[in-house]
C-alpha atoms as a PDB file:
ATOM      1  CA  UNK A   1      88.033-111.832-102.293  1.00  0.00           C
ATOM      2  CA  UNK A   2      84.455-112.129-103.806  1.00  0.00           C
ATOM      3  CA  UNK A   3      83.669-114.903-101.394  1.00  0.00           C
ATOM      4  CA  UNK A   4      84.441-112.238 -98.287  1.00  0.00           C
ATOM      5  CA  UNK A   5      80.760-111.395 -98.348  1.00  0.00           C
ATOM      6  CA  UNK A   6      81.927-109.106 -94.849  1.00  0.00           C
ATOM      7  CA  UNK A   7      85.145-107.729 -96.818  1.00  0.00           C
ATOM      8  CA  UNK A   8      82.590-106.826 -99.698  1.00  0.00           C
ATOM      9  CA  UNK A   9      80.070-104.845 -97.344  1.00  0.00           C
ATOM     10  CA  UNK A  10      83.250-103.231 -95.644  1.00  0.00           C
ATOM     11  CA  UNK A  11      83.556-101.753 -99.327  1.00  0.00           C
ATOM     12  CA  UNK A  12      80.355-101.063-100.574  1.00  0.00           C
ATOM     13  CA  UNK A  13      80.307 -98.732 -97.520  1.00  0.00           C
ATOM     14  CA  UNK A  14      83.386 -97.268 -97.672  1.00  0.00           C
ATOM     15  CA  UNK A  15      82.226 -96.791-101.634  1.00  0.00           C
ATOM     16  CA  UNK A  16      78.920 -95.087-100.518  1.00  0.00           C
ATOM     17  CA  UNK A  17      80.900 -93.059 -97.837  1.00  0.00           C
ATOM     18  CA  UNK A  18      82.851 -91.369-100.252  1.00  0.00           C
ATOM     19  CA  UNK A  19      79.855 -91.096-102.878  1.00  0.00           C
ATOM     20  CA  UNK A  20      77.741 -88.891-100.227  1.00  0.00           C
ATOM     21  CA  UNK A  21      81.084 -86.928 -99.604  1.00  0.00           C
ATOM     22  CA  UNK A  22      81.573 -85.832-103.291  1.00  0.00           C
ATOM     23  CA  UNK A  23      78.274 -85.343-103.547  1.00  0.00           C
ATOM     24  CA  UNK A  24      77.822 -83.149-100.166  1.00  0.00           C
ATOM     25  CA  UNK A  25      80.415 -81.038-101.616  1.00  0.00           C
ATOM     26  CA  UNK A  26      79.470 -80.927-104.872  1.00  0.00           C
ATOM     27  CA  UNK A  27      76.434 -79.132-103.523  1.00  0.00           C
ATOM     28  CA  UNK A  28      77.825 -76.959-100.814  1.00  0.00           C
ATOM     29  CA  UNK A  29      80.414 -76.050-103.708  1.00  0.00           C
ATOM     30  CA  UNK A  30      77.378 -75.202-105.770  1.00  0.00           C
ATOM     31  CA  UNK A  31      75.622 -72.893-103.123  1.00  0.00           C
ATOM     32  CA  UNK A  32      78.945 -70.571-102.754  1.00  0.00           C
ATOM     33  CA  UNK A  33      79.583 -70.035-106.223  1.00  0.00           C
ATOM     34  CA  UNK A  34      76.150 -69.688-107.176  1.00  0.00           C
ATOM     35  CA  UNK A  35      74.854 -65.759-106.535  1.00  0.00           C
ATOM     36  CA  UNK A  36      72.867 -66.984-103.474  1.00  0.00           C
ATOM     37  CA  UNK A  37      74.904 -65.199-101.030  1.00  0.00           C
ATOM     38  CA  UNK A  38      76.044 -61.534-102.700  1.00  0.00           C
ATOM     39  CA  UNK A  39      77.735 -58.645-101.049  1.00  0.00           C
ATOM     40  CA  UNK A  40      75.090 -56.007-100.200  1.00  0.00           C
ATOM     41  CA  UNK A  41      76.573 -53.825 -98.238  1.00  0.00           C
ATOM     42  CA  UNK A  42      80.785 -52.698 -97.965  1.00  0.00           C
ATOM     43  CA  UNK A  43      81.139 -50.458 -94.909  1.00  0.00           C
ATOM     44  CA  UNK A  44      84.370 -48.444 -94.085  1.00  0.00           C
ATOM     45  CA  UNK A  45      85.261 -47.342 -90.700  1.00  0.00           C
ATOM     46  CA  UNK A  46      87.980 -45.306 -89.633  1.00  0.00           C
ATOM     47  CA  UNK A  47      88.930 -41.097 -89.055  1.00  0.00           C
ATOM     48  CA  UNK A  48      89.462 -40.714 -92.488  1.00  0.00           C
ATOM     49  CA  UNK A  49      90.886 -37.143 -93.640  1.00  0.00           C
ATOM     50  CA  UNK A  50      92.680 -38.204 -96.983  1.00  0.00           C
ATOM     51  CA  UNK A  51      91.548 -41.539 -98.291  1.00  0.00           C
ATOM     52  CA  UNK A  52      88.652 -40.290-100.406  1.00  0.00           C
ATOM     53  CA  UNK A  53      85.184 -41.565-101.311  1.00  0.00           C
ATOM     54  CA  UNK A  54      85.886 -42.131-104.626  1.00  0.00           C
ATOM     55  CA  UNK A  55      89.241 -44.073-103.466  1.00  0.00           C
ATOM     56  CA  UNK A  56      87.062 -46.154-101.769  1.00  0.00           C
ATOM     57  CA  UNK A  57      84.297 -46.356-104.536  1.00  0.00           C
ATOM     58  CA  UNK A  58      87.128 -47.937-106.946  1.00  0.00           C
ATOM     59  CA  UNK A  59      87.925 -50.478-105.388  1.00  0.00           C
ATOM     60  CA  UNK A  60      84.476 -51.752-104.079  1.00  0.00           C
ATOM     61  CA  UNK A  61      83.790 -51.825-107.927  1.00  0.00           C
ATOM     62  CA  UNK A  62      86.634 -52.717-109.625  1.00  0.00           C
ATOM     63  CA  UNK A  63      88.659 -55.101-106.827  1.00  0.00           C
ATOM     64  CA  UNK A  64      86.045 -56.357-104.496  1.00  0.00           C
ATOM     65  CA  UNK A  65      85.312 -59.832-107.066  1.00  0.00           C
ATOM     66  CA  UNK A  66      83.164 -63.113-104.974  1.00  0.00           C
ATOM     67  CA  UNK A  67      80.369 -63.610-103.263  1.00  0.00           C
ATOM     68  CA  UNK A  68      80.269 -63.312 -99.162  1.00  0.00           C
ATOM     69  CA  UNK A  69      81.474 -66.220 -99.224  1.00  0.00           C
ATOM     70  CA  UNK A  70      84.544 -66.668-101.985  1.00  0.00           C
ATOM     71  CA  UNK A  71      85.876 -63.108-101.161  1.00  0.00           C
ATOM     72  CA  UNK A  72      89.457 -62.990-100.768  1.00  0.00           C
ATOM     73  CA  UNK A  73      90.213 -61.195 -97.559  1.00  0.00           C
ATOM     74  CA  UNK A  74      93.854 -61.051 -98.045  1.00  0.00           C
ATOM     75  CA  UNK A  75      93.509 -59.804-101.216  1.00  0.00           C
ATOM     76  CA  UNK A  76      91.216 -57.137-100.294  1.00  0.00           C
ATOM     77  CA  UNK A  77      93.060 -56.123 -97.400  1.00  0.00           C
ATOM     78  CA  UNK A  78      96.343 -55.744 -99.747  1.00  0.00           C
ATOM     79  CA  UNK A  79      93.896 -53.791-102.560  1.00  0.00           C
ATOM     80  CA  UNK A  80      93.102 -51.248 -99.880  1.00  0.00           C
ATOM     81  CA  UNK A  81      97.018 -51.421 -98.307  1.00  0.00           C
ATOM     82  CA  UNK A  82      98.085 -50.032-101.228  1.00  0.00           C
ATOM     83  CA  UNK A  83      95.992 -46.179-100.687  1.00  0.00           C
ATOM     84  CA  UNK A  84      99.021 -44.031-100.160  1.00  0.00           C
ATOM     85  CA  UNK A  85      97.396 -42.627 -97.041  1.00  0.00           C
ATOM     86  CA  UNK A  86      96.166 -46.169 -95.798  1.00  0.00           C
ATOM     87  CA  UNK A  87      98.632 -47.573 -92.940  1.00  0.00           C
ATOM     88  CA  UNK A  88      96.697 -50.633 -91.704  1.00  0.00           C
ATOM     89  CA  UNK A  89      94.019 -52.380 -93.060  1.00  0.00           C
ATOM     90  CA  UNK A  90      91.112 -54.905 -91.450  1.00  0.00           C
ATOM     91  CA  UNK A  91      88.570 -56.716 -92.910  1.00  0.00           C
ATOM     92  CA  UNK A  92      85.840 -58.822 -91.601  1.00  0.00           C
ATOM     93  CA  UNK A  93      83.117 -60.581 -92.995  1.00  0.00           C
ATOM     94  CA  UNK A  94      79.569 -59.788 -91.515  1.00  0.00           C
ATOM     95  CA  UNK A  95      76.528 -62.023 -92.040  1.00  0.00           C
ATOM     96  CA  UNK A  96      74.720 -62.245 -93.999  1.00  0.00           C
ATOM     97  CA  UNK A  97      75.908 -59.845 -96.678  1.00  0.00           C
ATOM     98  CA  UNK A  98      78.113 -57.306 -95.338  1.00  0.00           C
ATOM     99  CA  UNK A  99      82.038 -56.576 -95.225  1.00  0.00           C
ATOM    100  CA  UNK A 100      83.348 -54.486 -93.018  1.00  0.00           C
ATOM    101  CA  UNK A 101      86.476 -52.246 -93.533  1.00  0.00           C
ATOM    102  CA  UNK A 102      88.570 -50.689 -90.962  1.00  0.00           C
ATOM    103  CA  UNK A 103      91.228 -48.022 -92.266  1.00  0.00           C
ATOM    104  CA  UNK A 104      93.846 -46.668 -89.944  1.00  0.00           C
ATOM    105  CA  UNK A 105      95.776 -43.872 -91.941  1.00  0.00           C
ATOM    106  CA  UNK A 106      98.876 -42.786 -91.797  1.00  0.00           C
ATOM    107  CA  UNK A 107      99.639 -39.358 -89.083  1.00  0.00           C
ATOM    108  CA  UNK A 108     101.964 -37.367 -91.185  1.00  0.00           C
ATOM    109  CA  UNK A 109     104.533 -36.008 -88.531  1.00  0.00           C
ATOM    110  CA  UNK A 110     107.522 -34.874 -91.123  1.00  0.00           C
ATOM    111  CA  UNK A 111     109.296 -34.765 -94.824  1.00  0.00           C
ATOM    112  CA  UNK A 112     112.246 -37.378 -95.116  1.00  0.00           C
ATOM    113  CA  UNK A 113     114.185 -35.106 -97.088  1.00  0.00           C
ATOM    114  CA  UNK A 114     112.362 -34.632-100.695  1.00  0.00           C
ATOM    115  CA  UNK A 115     111.439 -38.478-100.965  1.00  0.00           C
ATOM    116  CA  UNK A 116     108.905 -39.100 -98.183  1.00  0.00           C
ATOM    117  CA  UNK A 117     107.069 -38.757 -95.554  1.00  0.00           C
ATOM    118  CA  UNK A 118     107.592 -39.984 -91.479  1.00  0.00           C
ATOM    119  CA  UNK A 119     104.353 -40.955 -89.950  1.00  0.00           C
ATOM    120  CA  UNK A 120     104.088 -40.767 -86.353  1.00  0.00           C
ATOM    121  CA  UNK A 121     105.598 -44.113 -85.819  1.00  0.00           C
ATOM    122  CA  UNK A 122     108.754 -43.634 -87.253  1.00  0.00           C
ATOM    123  CA  UNK A 123     107.603 -44.836 -90.584  1.00  0.00           C
ATOM    124  CA  UNK A 124     108.414 -43.904 -93.924  1.00  0.00           C
ATOM    125  CA  UNK A 125     105.403 -43.654 -96.710  1.00  0.00           C
ATOM    126  CA  UNK A 126     105.241 -41.843 -99.981  1.00  0.00           C
ATOM    127  CA  UNK A 127     102.254 -39.625-100.558  1.00  0.00           C
ATOM    128  CA  UNK A 128     101.259 -36.282-101.332  1.00  0.00           C
ATOM    129  CA  UNK A 129     100.941 -33.124 -98.976  1.00  0.00           C
ATOM    130  CA  UNK A 130     100.577 -29.564 -99.100  1.00  0.00           C
ATOM    131  CA  UNK A 131     100.581 -29.358 -95.059  1.00  0.00           C
ATOM    132  CA  UNK A 132     103.723 -27.582 -93.467  1.00  0.00           C
ATOM    133  CA  UNK A 133     105.595 -30.416 -91.807  1.00  0.00           C
ATOM    134  CA  UNK A 134     109.655 -30.162 -90.629  1.00  0.00           C
ATOM    135  CA  UNK A 135     112.145 -31.543 -92.391  1.00  0.00           C
ATOM    136  CA  UNK A 136     114.042 -34.585 -91.203  1.00  0.00           C
ATOM    137  CA  UNK A 137     117.036 -36.502 -92.762  1.00  0.00           C
ATOM    138  CA  UNK A 138     119.728 -38.752 -91.651  1.00  0.00           C
ATOM    139  CA  UNK A 139     120.897 -42.336 -92.843  1.00  0.00           C
ATOM    140  CA  UNK A 140     118.364 -44.613 -94.334  1.00  0.00           C
ATOM    141  CA  UNK A 141     118.082 -46.441 -90.993  1.00  0.00           C
ATOM    142  CA  UNK A 142     117.825 -43.983 -89.118  1.00  0.00           C
ATOM    143  CA  UNK A 143     114.410 -43.064 -89.272  1.00  0.00           C
ATOM    144  CA  UNK A 144     112.702 -44.069 -85.900  1.00  0.00           C
ATOM    145  CA  UNK A 145     115.891 -42.656 -84.232  1.00  0.00           C
ATOM    146  CA  UNK A 146     115.050 -39.077 -85.603  1.00  0.00           C
ATOM    147  CA  UNK A 147     111.462 -39.082 -85.082  1.00  0.00           C
ATOM    148  CA  UNK A 148     112.046 -40.495 -81.373  1.00  0.00           C
ATOM    149  CA  UNK A 149     114.670 -37.307 -81.068  1.00  0.00           C
ATOM    150  CA  UNK A 150     112.303 -34.950 -82.695  1.00  0.00           C
ATOM    151  CA  UNK A 151     110.143 -35.461 -79.626  1.00  0.00           C
ATOM    152  CA  UNK A 152     112.382 -34.468 -76.846  1.00  0.00           C
ATOM    153  CA  UNK A 153     113.863 -31.469 -79.157  1.00  0.00           C
ATOM    154  CA  UNK A 154     110.342 -30.254 -79.427  1.00  0.00           C
ATOM    155  CA  UNK A 155     109.706 -30.747 -75.706  1.00  0.00           C
ATOM    156  CA  UNK A 156     112.560 -29.104 -74.926  1.00  0.00           C
ATOM    157  CA  UNK A 157     112.630 -26.000 -76.894  1.00  0.00           C
ATOM    158  CA  UNK A 158     108.942 -25.538 -76.359  1.00  0.00           C
ATOM    159  CA  UNK A 159     110.337 -23.753 -72.594  1.00  0.00           C
ATOM    160  CA  UNK A 160     111.506 -20.679 -75.168  1.00  0.00           C
ATOM    161  CA  UNK A 161     108.894 -20.661 -77.270  1.00  0.00           C
ATOM    162  CA  UNK A 162     110.734 -22.451 -79.959  1.00  0.00           C
ATOM    163  CA  UNK A 163     110.135 -25.371 -82.728  1.00  0.00           C
ATOM    164  CA  UNK A 164     112.153 -27.337 -84.328  1.00  0.00           C
ATOM    165  CA  UNK A 165     111.347 -27.492 -88.311  1.00  0.00           C
ATOM    166  CA  UNK A 166     114.446 -29.601 -89.145  1.00  0.00           C
ATOM    167  CA  UNK A 167     116.709 -32.072 -87.783  1.00  0.00           C
ATOM    168  CA  UNK A 168     119.318 -33.674 -89.352  1.00  0.00           C
ATOM    169  CA  UNK A 169     121.254 -36.896 -88.129  1.00  0.00           C
ATOM    170  CA  UNK A 170     125.009 -37.069 -89.853  1.00  0.00           C
ATOM    171  CA  UNK A 171     126.012 -40.828 -90.909  1.00  0.00           C
ATOM    172  CA  UNK A 172     128.627 -40.267 -87.864  1.00  0.00           C
ATOM    173  CA  UNK A 173     125.664 -39.564 -85.884  1.00  0.00           C
ATOM    174  CA  UNK A 174     126.162 -35.854 -84.887  1.00  0.00           C
ATOM    175  CA  UNK A 175     123.001 -33.853 -84.686  1.00  0.00           C
ATOM    176  CA  UNK A 176     121.840 -30.325 -85.954  1.00  0.00           C
ATOM    177  CA  UNK A 177     118.453 -29.338 -85.375  1.00  0.00           C
ATOM    178  CA  UNK A 178     116.951 -26.068 -87.109  1.00  0.00           C
ATOM    179  CA  UNK A 179     114.951 -23.461 -85.544  1.00  0.00           C
ATOM    180  CA  UNK A 180     111.438 -21.664 -86.440  1.00  0.00           C
ATOM    181  CA  UNK A 181     113.317 -18.539 -86.268  1.00  0.00           C
ATOM    182  CA  UNK A 182     116.293 -19.614 -88.513  1.00  0.00           C
ATOM    183  CA  UNK A 183     118.533 -20.566 -86.208  1.00  0.00           C
ATOM    184  CA  UNK A 184     120.886 -23.392 -86.817  1.00  0.00           C
ATOM    185  CA  UNK A 185     121.772 -25.479 -83.539  1.00  0.00           C
ATOM    186  CA  UNK A 186     124.844 -27.630 -83.910  1.00  0.00           C
ATOM    187  CA  UNK A 187     124.885 -30.354 -81.336  1.00  0.00           C
ATOM    188  CA  UNK A 188     127.074 -32.764 -81.894  1.00  0.00           C
ATOM    189  CA  UNK A 189     127.023 -36.332 -80.979  1.00  0.00           C
ATOM    190  CA  UNK A 190     127.280 -36.542 -77.024  1.00  0.00           C
ATOM    191  CA  UNK A 191     125.074 -35.444 -74.339  1.00  0.00           C
ATOM    192  CA  UNK A 192     122.654 -34.172 -77.102  1.00  0.00           C
ATOM    193  CA  UNK A 193     119.643 -33.471 -74.555  1.00  0.00           C
ATOM    194  CA  UNK A 194     122.411 -32.308 -72.002  1.00  0.00           C
ATOM    195  CA  UNK A 195     123.498 -29.909 -74.096  1.00  0.00           C
ATOM    196  CA  UNK A 196     119.915 -28.229 -75.663  1.00  0.00           C
ATOM    197  CA  UNK A 197     118.783 -28.498 -72.151  1.00  0.00           C
ATOM    198  CA  UNK A 198     121.947 -25.933 -70.783  1.00  0.00           C
ATOM    199  CA  UNK A 199     121.422 -24.081 -73.905  1.00  0.00           C
ATOM    200  CA  UNK A 200     117.169 -23.076 -73.166  1.00  0.00           C
ATOM    201  CA  UNK A 201     117.987 -22.515 -69.500  1.00  0.00           C
ATOM    202  CA  UNK A 202     120.381 -19.723 -70.478  1.00  0.00           C
ATOM    203  CA  UNK A 203     118.822 -18.642 -73.701  1.00  0.00           C
ATOM    204  CA  UNK A 204     116.606 -15.304 -72.062  1.00  0.00           C
ATOM    205  CA  UNK A 205     119.912 -13.998 -70.381  1.00  0.00           C
ATOM    206  CA  UNK A 206     121.918 -14.832 -73.438  1.00  0.00           C
ATOM    207  CA  UNK A 207     120.556 -14.459 -77.381  1.00  0.00           C
ATOM    208  CA  UNK A 208     117.311 -13.684 -75.830  1.00  0.00           C
ATOM    209  CA  UNK A 209     118.811 -10.454 -74.917  1.00  0.00           C
ATOM    210  CA  UNK A 210     121.127 -10.092 -78.211  1.00  0.00           C
ATOM    211  CA  UNK A 211     119.600  -6.627 -80.671  1.00  0.00           C
ATOM    212  CA  UNK A 212     121.037  -8.728 -83.813  1.00  0.00           C
ATOM    213  CA  UNK A 213     119.549 -12.120 -85.130  1.00  0.00           C
ATOM    214  CA  UNK A 214     121.889 -15.150 -84.564  1.00  0.00           C
ATOM    215  CA  UNK A 215     121.866 -17.633 -87.041  1.00  0.00           C
ATOM    216  CA  UNK A 216     124.124 -20.253 -85.949  1.00  0.00           C
ATOM    217  CA  UNK A 217     125.103 -21.758 -82.799  1.00  0.00           C
ATOM    218  CA  UNK A 218     127.239 -24.365 -81.376  1.00  0.00           C
ATOM    219  CA  UNK A 219     126.567 -26.287 -78.346  1.00  0.00           C
ATOM    220  CA  UNK A 220     129.790 -28.786 -78.520  1.00  0.00           C
ATOM    221  CA  UNK A 221     132.101 -26.285 -75.917  1.00  0.00           C
ATOM    222  CA  UNK A 222     132.076 -28.255 -72.580  1.00  0.00           C
ATOM    223  CA  UNK A 223     131.931 -24.223 -70.687  1.00  0.00           C
ATOM    224  CA  UNK A 224     129.718 -22.850 -72.520  1.00  0.00           C
ATOM    225  CA  UNK A 225     128.458 -22.307 -76.343  1.00  0.00           C
ATOM    226  CA  UNK A 226     129.855 -20.218 -80.047  1.00  0.00           C
ATOM    227  CA  UNK A 227     127.079 -18.010 -81.914  1.00  0.00           C
ATOM    228  CA  UNK A 228     127.613 -16.715 -85.255  1.00  0.00           C
ATOM    229  CA  UNK A 229     125.712 -13.308 -85.595  1.00  0.00           C
ATOM    230  CA  UNK A 230     123.646 -12.440 -89.012  1.00  0.00           C
ATOM    231  CA  UNK A 231     125.859 -11.685 -91.907  1.00  0.00           C
ATOM    232  CA  UNK A 232     129.231 -12.558 -89.414  1.00  0.00           C
ATOM    233  CA  UNK A 233     131.872 -14.710 -90.779  1.00  0.00           C
ATOM    234  CA  UNK A 234     132.955 -15.836 -87.496  1.00  0.00           C
ATOM    235  CA  UNK A 235     131.448 -17.605 -84.252  1.00  0.00           C
ATOM    236  CA  UNK A 236     131.860 -16.073 -80.916  1.00  0.00           C
ATOM    237  CA  UNK A 237     132.487 -18.210 -78.055  1.00  0.00           C
ATOM    238  CA  UNK A 238     129.446 -17.080 -75.333  1.00  0.00           C
ATOM    239  CA  UNK A 239     130.156 -18.598 -71.733  1.00  0.00           C
ATOM    240  CA  UNK A 240     127.231 -20.253 -70.128  1.00  0.00           C
END
């Protein structure tokens, strides 16, 4: 080997190249980790109604570690996602010294029983709210289904000036809706939208004319529906 100058020259060049790469890496490492590129600004974007300045300030001062290059963006994103009202987070570096954080808040649509809130996408999240919201209930896998059906019921009932304040889906997929005047509407499992549409169509000339309050309506009859007057013990059939 020692009598092969070409091989020796090749090995020497290889060692020089490796040394140069290691030196360059060391220089870059020092430049990146030295306090030469501090983050001087954190800009938070988004239409924020529930995320407070104090919450953002706490994260900026306590959780953001590193400079412009070394800050862990994934960890930063996960930290902001822990805020109760935050649905999604986008984090970007902006040269030379700025971090941009875009937050999307949950839009509370309803309460899921007494355990959580439901957003407009049919997703559960845990947060405190003093808003007056409708109450959903149902199987654990039915959140999206109840949210979607609520939107349909709300549109249908708007024709008679009523709003659903509670929507319930049973384990057997039967629907029940409570209106803002206290009326409980039993829809059953089949043709629920058609049944409610029929009820809305005849409301003004049936329940709308009654002088006594009605607290329950059963729409599961094929040719009509039954009502229970306030304080009455039994349902009374009403032709459609």
